[in-house]
Amino acid sequence: MTQSSDPRDNAIAERVNGILKQELLNSYYQDMVTARRAVAQAVDTYNNHRPHSSVNMLTPEQAHRCSGPLIRKWKNYYTAKEVIMSG
């Protein structure tokens, strides 16, 4: 799911997909038009309206627009050496 082929990037994408499916989407839709509309609304909600604890309760859009250092609340289980070696 990522352009870099880094398996750690895929975990991030899977986390986003899980949140969309568990919190913002229904499990069944009557037709594709309704489903596509719901997915577009869910992505908008995720990016622009839902605060994320991992970025100090900002929305992704707010975090993206911030200048300067961003207070990140997630743990990084990889050392800097591992990240450099995989890239």
PDB file of N, CA and C in Angstrom:
ATOM      1  N   MET A   1       0.805  -1.198   0.000  1.00  0.00           N
ATOM      2  CA  MET A   1       0.000   0.000   0.000  1.00  0.00           C
ATOM      3  C   MET A   1       0.848   1.262   0.000  1.00  0.00           C
ATOM      4  N   THR A   2       2.154   1.121   0.035  1.00  0.00           N
ATOM      5  CA  THR A   2       2.999   2.305   0.083  1.00  0.00           C
ATOM      6  C   THR A   2       3.947   2.323  -1.101  1.00  0.00           C
ATOM      7  N   GLN A   3       4.438   3.493  -1.423  1.00  0.00           N
ATOM      8  CA  GLN A   3       5.369   3.626  -2.542  1.00  0.00           C
ATOM      9  C   GLN A   3       6.785   3.247  -2.152  1.00  0.00           C
ATOM     10  N   SER A   4       7.113   3.337  -0.859  1.00  0.00           N
ATOM     11  CA  SER A   4       8.482   3.070  -0.431  1.00  0.00           C
ATOM     12  C   SER A   4       8.756   1.587  -0.211  1.00  0.00           C
ATOM     13  N   SER A   5       7.732   0.761  -0.206  1.00  0.00           N
ATOM     14  CA  SER A   5       7.836  -0.678   0.066  1.00  0.00           C
ATOM     15  C   SER A   5       8.362  -0.966   1.459  1.00  0.00           C
ATOM     16  N   ASP A   6       8.241  -0.022   2.367  1.00  0.00           N
ATOM     17  CA  ASP A   6       8.644  -0.220   3.751  1.00  0.00           C
ATOM     18  C   ASP A   6       7.475  -0.856   4.498  1.00  0.00           C
ATOM     19  N   PRO A   7       7.648  -2.048   5.079  1.00  0.00           N
ATOM     20  CA  PRO A   7       6.532  -2.713   5.751  1.00  0.00           C
ATOM     21  C   PRO A   7       5.974  -1.912   6.925  1.00  0.00           C
ATOM     22  N   ARG A   8       6.785  -1.046   7.522  1.00  0.00           N
ATOM     23  CA  ARG A   8       6.268  -0.214   8.620  1.00  0.00           C
ATOM     24  C   ARG A   8       5.278   0.817   8.102  1.00  0.00           C
ATOM     25  N   ASP A   9       5.438   1.275   6.874  1.00  0.00           N
ATOM     26  CA  ASP A   9       4.475   2.206   6.293  1.00  0.00           C
ATOM     27  C   ASP A   9       3.124   1.532   6.100  1.00  0.00           C
ATOM     28  N   ASN A  10       3.130   0.251   5.765  1.00  0.00           N
ATOM     29  CA  ASN A  10       1.887  -0.479   5.562  1.00  0.00           C
ATOM     30  C   ASN A  10       1.087  -0.551   6.859  1.00  0.00           C
ATOM     31  N   ALA A  11       1.753  -0.658   7.990  1.00  0.00           N
ATOM     32  CA  ALA A  11       1.054  -0.700   9.273  1.00  0.00           C
ATOM     33  C   ALA A  11       0.268   0.584   9.503  1.00  0.00           C
ATOM     34  N   ILE A  12       0.832   1.711   9.110  1.00  0.00           N
ATOM     35  CA  ILE A  12       0.131   2.987   9.254  1.00  0.00           C
ATOM     36  C   ILE A  12      -1.113   3.004   8.379  1.00  0.00           C
ATOM     37  N   ALA A  13      -0.978   2.554   7.139  1.00  0.00           N
ATOM     38  CA  ALA A  13      -2.129   2.510   6.231  1.00  0.00           C
ATOM     39  C   ALA A  13      -3.208   1.571   6.764  1.00  0.00           C
ATOM     40  N   GLU A  14      -2.809   0.439   7.307  1.00  0.00           N
ATOM     41  CA  GLU A  14      -3.779  -0.503   7.861  1.00  0.00           C
ATOM     42  C   GLU A  14      -4.487   0.097   9.071  1.00  0.00           C
ATOM     43  N   ARG A  15      -3.792   0.867   9.867  1.00  0.00           N
ATOM     44  CA  ARG A  15      -4.407   1.519  11.024  1.00  0.00           C
ATOM     45  C   ARG A  15      -5.473   2.510  10.571  1.00  0.00           C
ATOM     46  N   VAL A  16      -5.160   3.298   9.563  1.00  0.00           N
ATOM     47  CA  VAL A  16      -6.134   4.253   9.032  1.00  0.00           C
ATOM     48  C   VAL A  16      -7.349   3.509   8.483  1.00  0.00           C
ATOM     49  N   ASN A  17      -7.114   2.456   7.703  1.00  0.00           N
ATOM     50  CA  ASN A  17      -8.230   1.676   7.150  1.00  0.00           C
ATOM     51  C   ASN A  17      -9.100   1.099   8.260  1.00  0.00           C
ATOM     52  N   GLY A  18      -8.476   0.608   9.327  1.00  0.00           N
ATOM     53  CA  GLY A  18      -9.226   0.052  10.446  1.00  0.00           C
ATOM     54  C   GLY A  18     -10.104   1.090  11.120  1.00  0.00           C
ATOM     55  N   ILE A  19      -9.574   2.279  11.331  1.00  0.00           N
ATOM     56  CA  ILE A  19     -10.356   3.353  11.948  1.00  0.00           C
ATOM     57  C   ILE A  19     -11.537   3.721  11.058  1.00  0.00           C
ATOM     58  N   LEU A  20     -11.286   3.846   9.762  1.00  0.00           N
ATOM     59  CA  LEU A  20     -12.384   4.185   8.853  1.00  0.00           C
ATOM     60  C   LEU A  20     -13.479   3.129   8.927  1.00  0.00           C
ATOM     61  N   LYS A  21     -13.087   1.852   8.886  1.00  0.00           N
ATOM     62  CA  LYS A  21     -14.080   0.775   8.880  1.00  0.00           C
ATOM     63  C   LYS A  21     -14.785   0.616  10.224  1.00  0.00           C
ATOM     64  N   GLN A  22     -14.066   0.740  11.326  1.00  0.00           N
ATOM     65  CA  GLN A  22     -14.657   0.502  12.638  1.00  0.00           C
ATOM     66  C   GLN A  22     -15.446   1.686  13.173  1.00  0.00           C
ATOM     67  N   GLU A  23     -14.981   2.900  12.906  1.00  0.00           N
ATOM     68  CA  GLU A  23     -15.593   4.072  13.519  1.00  0.00           C
ATOM     69  C   GLU A  23     -16.487   4.881  12.584  1.00  0.00           C
ATOM     70  N   LEU A  24     -16.204   4.858  11.291  1.00  0.00           N
ATOM     71  CA  LEU A  24     -16.855   5.829  10.419  1.00  0.00           C
ATOM     72  C   LEU A  24     -17.703   5.239   9.290  1.00  0.00           C
ATOM     73  N   LEU A  25     -17.609   3.948   9.054  1.00  0.00           N
ATOM     74  CA  LEU A  25     -18.360   3.353   7.943  1.00  0.00           C
ATOM     75  C   LEU A  25     -19.278   2.237   8.427  1.00  0.00           C
ATOM     76  N   ASN A  26     -20.350   2.023   7.708  1.00  0.00           N
ATOM     77  CA  ASN A  26     -21.235   0.893   7.964  1.00  0.00           C
ATOM     78  C   ASN A  26     -20.649  -0.360   7.319  1.00  0.00           C
ATOM     79  N   SER A  27     -21.146  -1.501   7.706  1.00  0.00           N
ATOM     80  CA  SER A  27     -20.637  -2.742   7.116  1.00  0.00           C
ATOM     81  C   SER A  27     -21.346  -3.091   5.809  1.00  0.00           C
ATOM     82  N   TYR A  28     -22.463  -2.425   5.515  1.00  0.00           N
ATOM     83  CA  TYR A  28     -23.210  -2.742   4.305  1.00  0.00           C
ATOM     84  C   TYR A  28     -23.852  -1.472   3.761  1.00  0.00           C
ATOM     85  N   TYR A  29     -23.855  -1.352   2.418  1.00  0.00           N
ATOM     86  CA  TYR A  29     -24.516  -0.227   1.748  1.00  0.00           C
ATOM     87  C   TYR A  29     -25.414  -0.765   0.641  1.00  0.00           C
ATOM     88  N   GLN A  30     -26.469  -0.052   0.365  1.00  0.00           N
ATOM     89  CA  GLN A  30     -27.453  -0.475  -0.633  1.00  0.00           C
ATOM     90  C   GLN A  30     -26.878  -0.518  -2.045  1.00  0.00           C
ATOM     91  N   ASP A  31     -25.992   0.433  -2.361  1.00  0.00           N
ATOM     92  CA  ASP A  31     -25.437   0.506  -3.714  1.00  0.00           C
ATOM     93  C   ASP A  31     -24.076   1.202  -3.678  1.00  0.00           C
ATOM     94  N   MET A  32     -23.377   1.171  -4.802  1.00  0.00           N
ATOM     95  CA  MET A  32     -22.031   1.740  -4.885  1.00  0.00           C
ATOM     96  C   MET A  32     -22.030   3.258  -4.728  1.00  0.00           C
ATOM     97  N   VAL A  33     -23.037   3.919  -5.232  1.00  0.00           N
ATOM     98  CA  VAL A  33     -23.099   5.383  -5.116  1.00  0.00           C
ATOM     99  C   VAL A  33     -23.144   5.781  -3.647  1.00  0.00           C
ATOM    100  N   THR A  34     -23.979   5.118  -2.872  1.00  0.00           N
ATOM    101  CA  THR A  34     -24.091   5.399  -1.442  1.00  0.00           C
ATOM    102  C   THR A  34     -22.791   5.053  -0.726  1.00  0.00           C
ATOM    103  N   ALA A  35     -22.180   3.933  -1.090  1.00  0.00           N
ATOM    104  CA  ALA A  35     -20.927   3.514  -0.461  1.00  0.00           C
ATOM    105  C   ALA A  35     -19.809   4.515  -0.754  1.00  0.00           C
ATOM    106  N   ARG A  36     -19.686   4.937  -1.994  1.00  0.00           N
ATOM    107  CA  ARG A  36     -18.645   5.911  -2.355  1.00  0.00           C
ATOM    108  C   ARG A  36     -18.844   7.234  -1.630  1.00  0.00           C
ATOM    109  N   ARG A  37     -20.071   7.659  -1.519  1.00  0.00           N
ATOM    110  CA  ARG A  37     -20.376   8.897  -0.807  1.00  0.00           C
ATOM    111  C   ARG A  37     -19.993   8.760   0.672  1.00  0.00           C
ATOM    112  N   ALA A  38     -20.291   7.617   1.265  1.00  0.00           N
ATOM    113  CA  ALA A  38     -19.962   7.372   2.667  1.00  0.00           C
ATOM    114  C   ALA A  38     -18.452   7.337   2.878  1.00  0.00           C
ATOM    115  N   VAL A  39     -17.711   6.720   1.959  1.00  0.00           N
ATOM    116  CA  VAL A  39     -16.250   6.663   2.075  1.00  0.00           C
ATOM    117  C   VAL A  39     -15.668   8.072   1.974  1.00  0.00           C
ATOM    118  N   ALA A  40     -16.147   8.863   1.036  1.00  0.00           N
ATOM    119  CA  ALA A  40     -15.656  10.242   0.900  1.00  0.00           C
ATOM    120  C   ALA A  40     -15.924  11.036   2.173  1.00  0.00           C
ATOM    121  N   GLN A  41     -17.094  10.879   2.756  1.00  0.00           N
ATOM    122  CA  GLN A  41     -17.432  11.582   3.999  1.00  0.00           C
ATOM    123  C   GLN A  41     -16.558  11.085   5.150  1.00  0.00           C
ATOM    124  N   ALA A  42     -16.309   9.778   5.214  1.00  0.00           N
ATOM    125  CA  ALA A  42     -15.480   9.213   6.279  1.00  0.00           C
ATOM    126  C   ALA A  42     -14.048   9.738   6.193  1.00  0.00           C
ATOM    127  N   VAL A  43     -13.497   9.804   4.996  1.00  0.00           N
ATOM    128  CA  VAL A  43     -12.131  10.309   4.815  1.00  0.00           C
ATOM    129  C   VAL A  43     -12.070  11.784   5.197  1.00  0.00           C
ATOM    130  N   ASP A  44     -13.076  12.551   4.810  1.00  0.00           N
ATOM    131  CA  ASP A  44     -13.127  13.966   5.193  1.00  0.00           C
ATOM    132  C   ASP A  44     -13.194  14.109   6.714  1.00  0.00           C
ATOM    133  N   THR A  45     -14.025  13.313   7.352  1.00  0.00           N
ATOM    134  CA  THR A  45     -14.133  13.348   8.812  1.00  0.00           C
ATOM    135  C   THR A  45     -12.808  12.991   9.462  1.00  0.00           C
ATOM    136  N   TYR A  46     -12.169  11.927   8.978  1.00  0.00           N
ATOM    137  CA  TYR A  46     -10.886  11.484   9.532  1.00  0.00           C
ATOM    138  C   TYR A  46      -9.823  12.571   9.408  1.00  0.00           C
ATOM    139  N   ASN A  47      -9.752  13.205   8.257  1.00  0.00           N
ATOM    140  CA  ASN A  47      -8.700  14.195   8.000  1.00  0.00           C
ATOM    141  C   ASN A  47      -8.966  15.576   8.568  1.00  0.00           C
ATOM    142  N   ASN A  48     -10.226  15.973   8.636  1.00  0.00           N
ATOM    143  CA  ASN A  48     -10.532  17.368   8.949  1.00  0.00           C
ATOM    144  C   ASN A  48     -11.322  17.609  10.227  1.00  0.00           C
ATOM    145  N   HIS A  49     -11.909  16.549  10.811  1.00  0.00           N
ATOM    146  CA  HIS A  49     -12.784  16.774  11.958  1.00  0.00           C
ATOM    147  C   HIS A  49     -12.457  15.911  13.174  1.00  0.00           C
ATOM    148  N   ARG A  50     -11.794  14.788  12.979  1.00  0.00           N
ATOM    149  CA  ARG A  50     -11.530  13.858  14.073  1.00  0.00           C
ATOM    150  C   ARG A  50     -10.158  14.139  14.670  1.00  0.00           C
ATOM    151  N   PRO A  51     -10.103  14.601  15.937  1.00  0.00           N
ATOM    152  CA  PRO A  51      -8.804  14.826  16.564  1.00  0.00           C
ATOM    153  C   PRO A  51      -8.093  13.499  16.821  1.00  0.00           C
ATOM    154  N   HIS A  52      -6.775  13.512  16.725  1.00  0.00           N
ATOM    155  CA  HIS A  52      -5.972  12.307  16.899  1.00  0.00           C
ATOM    156  C   HIS A  52      -5.050  12.491  18.096  1.00  0.00           C
ATOM    157  N   SER A  53      -5.105  11.552  19.012  1.00  0.00           N
ATOM    158  CA  SER A  53      -4.262  11.653  20.207  1.00  0.00           C
ATOM    159  C   SER A  53      -2.782  11.555  19.853  1.00  0.00           C
ATOM    160  N   SER A  54      -2.450  10.898  18.753  1.00  0.00           N
ATOM    161  CA  SER A  54      -1.041  10.724  18.381  1.00  0.00           C
ATOM    162  C   SER A  54      -0.370  12.019  17.946  1.00  0.00           C
ATOM    163  N   VAL A  55      -1.134  13.027  17.602  1.00  0.00           N
ATOM    164  CA  VAL A  55      -0.568  14.330  17.218  1.00  0.00           C
ATOM    165  C   VAL A  55      -1.146  15.430  18.099  1.00  0.00           C
ATOM    166  N   ASN A  56      -1.185  15.155  19.412  1.00  0.00           N
ATOM    167  CA  ASN A  56      -1.574  16.161  20.406  1.00  0.00           C
ATOM    168  C   ASN A  56      -2.989  16.698  20.189  1.00  0.00           C
ATOM    169  N   MET A  57      -3.906  15.803  19.827  1.00  0.00           N
ATOM    170  CA  MET A  57      -5.327  16.110  19.646  1.00  0.00           C
ATOM    171  C   MET A  57      -5.608  17.132  18.537  1.00  0.00           C
ATOM    172  N   LEU A  58      -4.779  17.114  17.518  1.00  0.00           N
ATOM    173  CA  LEU A  58      -5.040  17.884  16.301  1.00  0.00           C
ATOM    174  C   LEU A  58      -5.655  16.948  15.276  1.00  0.00           C
ATOM    175  N   THR A  59      -6.305  17.520  14.278  1.00  0.00           N
ATOM    176  CA  THR A  59      -6.718  16.707  13.135  1.00  0.00           C
ATOM    177  C   THR A  59      -5.495  16.537  12.232  1.00  0.00           C
ATOM    178  N   PRO A  60      -5.475  15.533  11.353  1.00  0.00           N
ATOM    179  CA  PRO A  60      -4.356  15.419  10.425  1.00  0.00           C
ATOM    180  C   PRO A  60      -4.137  16.690   9.601  1.00  0.00           C
ATOM    181  N   GLU A  61      -5.210  17.325   9.189  1.00  0.00           N
ATOM    182  CA  GLU A  61      -5.083  18.567   8.410  1.00  0.00           C
ATOM    183  C   GLU A  61      -4.396  19.650   9.238  1.00  0.00           C
ATOM    184  N   GLN A  62      -4.784  19.809  10.493  1.00  0.00           N
ATOM    185  CA  GLN A  62      -4.149  20.797  11.354  1.00  0.00           C
ATOM    186  C   GLN A  62      -2.677  20.455  11.582  1.00  0.00           C
ATOM    187  N   ALA A  63      -2.395  19.187  11.815  1.00  0.00           N
ATOM    188  CA  ALA A  63      -1.008  18.759  12.036  1.00  0.00           C
ATOM    189  C   ALA A  63      -0.165  19.012  10.792  1.00  0.00           C
ATOM    190  N   HIS A  64      -0.728  18.779   9.620  1.00  0.00           N
ATOM    191  CA  HIS A  64      -0.003  18.995   8.369  1.00  0.00           C
ATOM    192  C   HIS A  64       0.331  20.464   8.154  1.00  0.00           C
ATOM    193  N   ARG A  65      -0.544  21.347   8.592  1.00  0.00           N
ATOM    194  CA  ARG A  65      -0.338  22.781   8.386  1.00  0.00           C
ATOM    195  C   ARG A  65       0.547  23.426   9.451  1.00  0.00           C
ATOM    196  N   CYS A  66       0.866  22.697  10.525  1.00  0.00           N
ATOM    197  CA  CYS A  66       1.687  23.264  11.595  1.00  0.00           C
ATOM    198  C   CYS A  66       3.097  23.558  11.113  1.00  0.00           C
ATOM    199  N   SER A  67       3.638  24.637  11.629  1.00  0.00           N
ATOM    200  CA  SER A  67       5.052  24.911  11.367  1.00  0.00           C
ATOM    201  C   SER A  67       5.810  24.645  12.663  1.00  0.00           C
ATOM    202  N   GLY A  68       7.047  24.265  12.539  1.00  0.00           N
ATOM    203  CA  GLY A  68       7.837  23.933  13.710  1.00  0.00           C
ATOM    204  C   GLY A  68       7.610  22.492  14.130  1.00  0.00           C
ATOM    205  N   PRO A  69       8.182  22.115  15.255  1.00  0.00           N
ATOM    206  CA  PRO A  69       8.076  20.720  15.687  1.00  0.00           C
ATOM    207  C   PRO A  69       6.649  20.363  16.102  1.00  0.00           C
ATOM    208  N   LEU A  70       6.261  19.153  15.802  1.00  0.00           N
ATOM    209  CA  LEU A  70       4.943  18.632  16.140  1.00  0.00           C
ATOM    210  C   LEU A  70       5.104  17.682  17.319  1.00  0.00           C
ATOM    211  N   ILE A  71       4.299  17.864  18.341  1.00  0.00           N
ATOM    212  CA  ILE A  71       4.359  16.976  19.498  1.00  0.00           C
ATOM    213  C   ILE A  71       3.683  15.665  19.114  1.00  0.00           C
ATOM    214  N   ARG A  72       4.489  14.617  19.023  1.00  0.00           N
ATOM    215  CA  ARG A  72       3.979  13.300  18.629  1.00  0.00           C
ATOM    216  C   ARG A  72       3.849  12.431  19.869  1.00  0.00           C
ATOM    217  N   LYS A  73       2.742  11.740  19.973  1.00  0.00           N
ATOM    218  CA  LYS A  73       2.448  10.949  21.161  1.00  0.00           C
ATOM    219  C   LYS A  73       2.596   9.446  20.936  1.00  0.00           C
ATOM    220  N   TRP A  74       3.091   9.027  19.770  1.00  0.00           N
ATOM    221  CA  TRP A  74       3.218   7.592  19.535  1.00  0.00           C
ATOM    222  C   TRP A  74       4.634   7.132  19.826  1.00  0.00           C
ATOM    223  N   LYS A  75       4.741   5.826  20.076  1.00  0.00           N
ATOM    224  CA  LYS A  75       6.047   5.237  20.359  1.00  0.00           C
ATOM    225  C   LYS A  75       6.672   4.765  19.071  1.00  0.00           C
ATOM    226  N   ASN A  76       7.964   4.952  18.957  1.00  0.00           N
ATOM    227  CA  ASN A  76       8.717   4.430  17.830  1.00  0.00           C
ATOM    228  C   ASN A  76       9.579   3.289  18.364  1.00  0.00           C
ATOM    229  N   TYR A  77       9.292   2.080  17.937  1.00  0.00           N
ATOM    230  CA  TYR A  77      10.000   0.911  18.432  1.00  0.00           C
ATOM    231  C   TYR A  77      11.268   0.614  17.638  1.00  0.00           C
ATOM    232  N   TYR A  78      11.570   1.438  16.644  1.00  0.00           N
ATOM    233  CA  TYR A  78      12.746   1.240  15.812  1.00  0.00           C
ATOM    234  C   TYR A  78      13.786   2.294  16.151  1.00  0.00           C
ATOM    235  N   THR A  79      15.036   1.901  16.153  1.00  0.00           N
ATOM    236  CA  THR A  79      16.101   2.864  16.405  1.00  0.00           C
ATOM    237  C   THR A  79      16.391   3.621  15.112  1.00  0.00           C
ATOM    238  N   ALA A  80      17.070   4.740  15.233  1.00  0.00           N
ATOM    239  CA  ALA A  80      17.415   5.538  14.054  1.00  0.00           C
ATOM    240  C   ALA A  80      18.260   4.707  13.088  1.00  0.00           C
ATOM    241  N   LYS A  81      19.140   3.851  13.612  1.00  0.00           N
ATOM    242  CA  LYS A  81      19.988   3.026  12.753  1.00  0.00           C
ATOM    243  C   LYS A  81      19.155   2.072  11.906  1.00  0.00           C
ATOM    244  N   GLU A  82      18.106   1.465  12.492  1.00  0.00           N
ATOM    245  CA  GLU A  82      17.242   0.544  11.758  1.00  0.00           C
ATOM    246  C   GLU A  82      16.495   1.273  10.645  1.00  0.00           C
ATOM    247  N   VAL A  83      16.035   2.483  10.936  1.00  0.00           N
ATOM    248  CA  VAL A  83      15.298   3.253   9.936  1.00  0.00           C
ATOM    249  C   VAL A  83      16.194   3.613   8.777  1.00  0.00           C
ATOM    250  N   ILE A  84      17.416   4.030   9.050  1.00  0.00           N
ATOM    251  CA  ILE A  84      18.359   4.403   7.983  1.00  0.00           C
ATOM    252  C   ILE A  84      18.726   3.172   7.144  1.00  0.00           C
ATOM    253  N   MET A  85      18.941   2.035   7.782  1.00  0.00           N
ATOM    254  CA  MET A  85      19.323   0.828   7.068  1.00  0.00           C
ATOM    255  C   MET A  85      18.232   0.327   6.136  1.00  0.00           C
ATOM    256  N   SER A  86      16.969   0.516   6.521  1.00  0.00           N
ATOM    257  CA  SER A  86      15.886   0.001   5.692  1.00  0.00           C
ATOM    258  C   SER A  86      15.608   0.901   4.506  1.00  0.00           C
ATOM    259  N   GLY A  87      16.030   2.133   4.529  1.00  0.00           N
ATOM    260  CA  GLY A  87      15.729   3.082   3.472  1.00  0.00           C
ATOM    261  C   GLY A  87      16.707   3.102   2.425  1.00  0.00           C
TER     262      GLY A  87
END
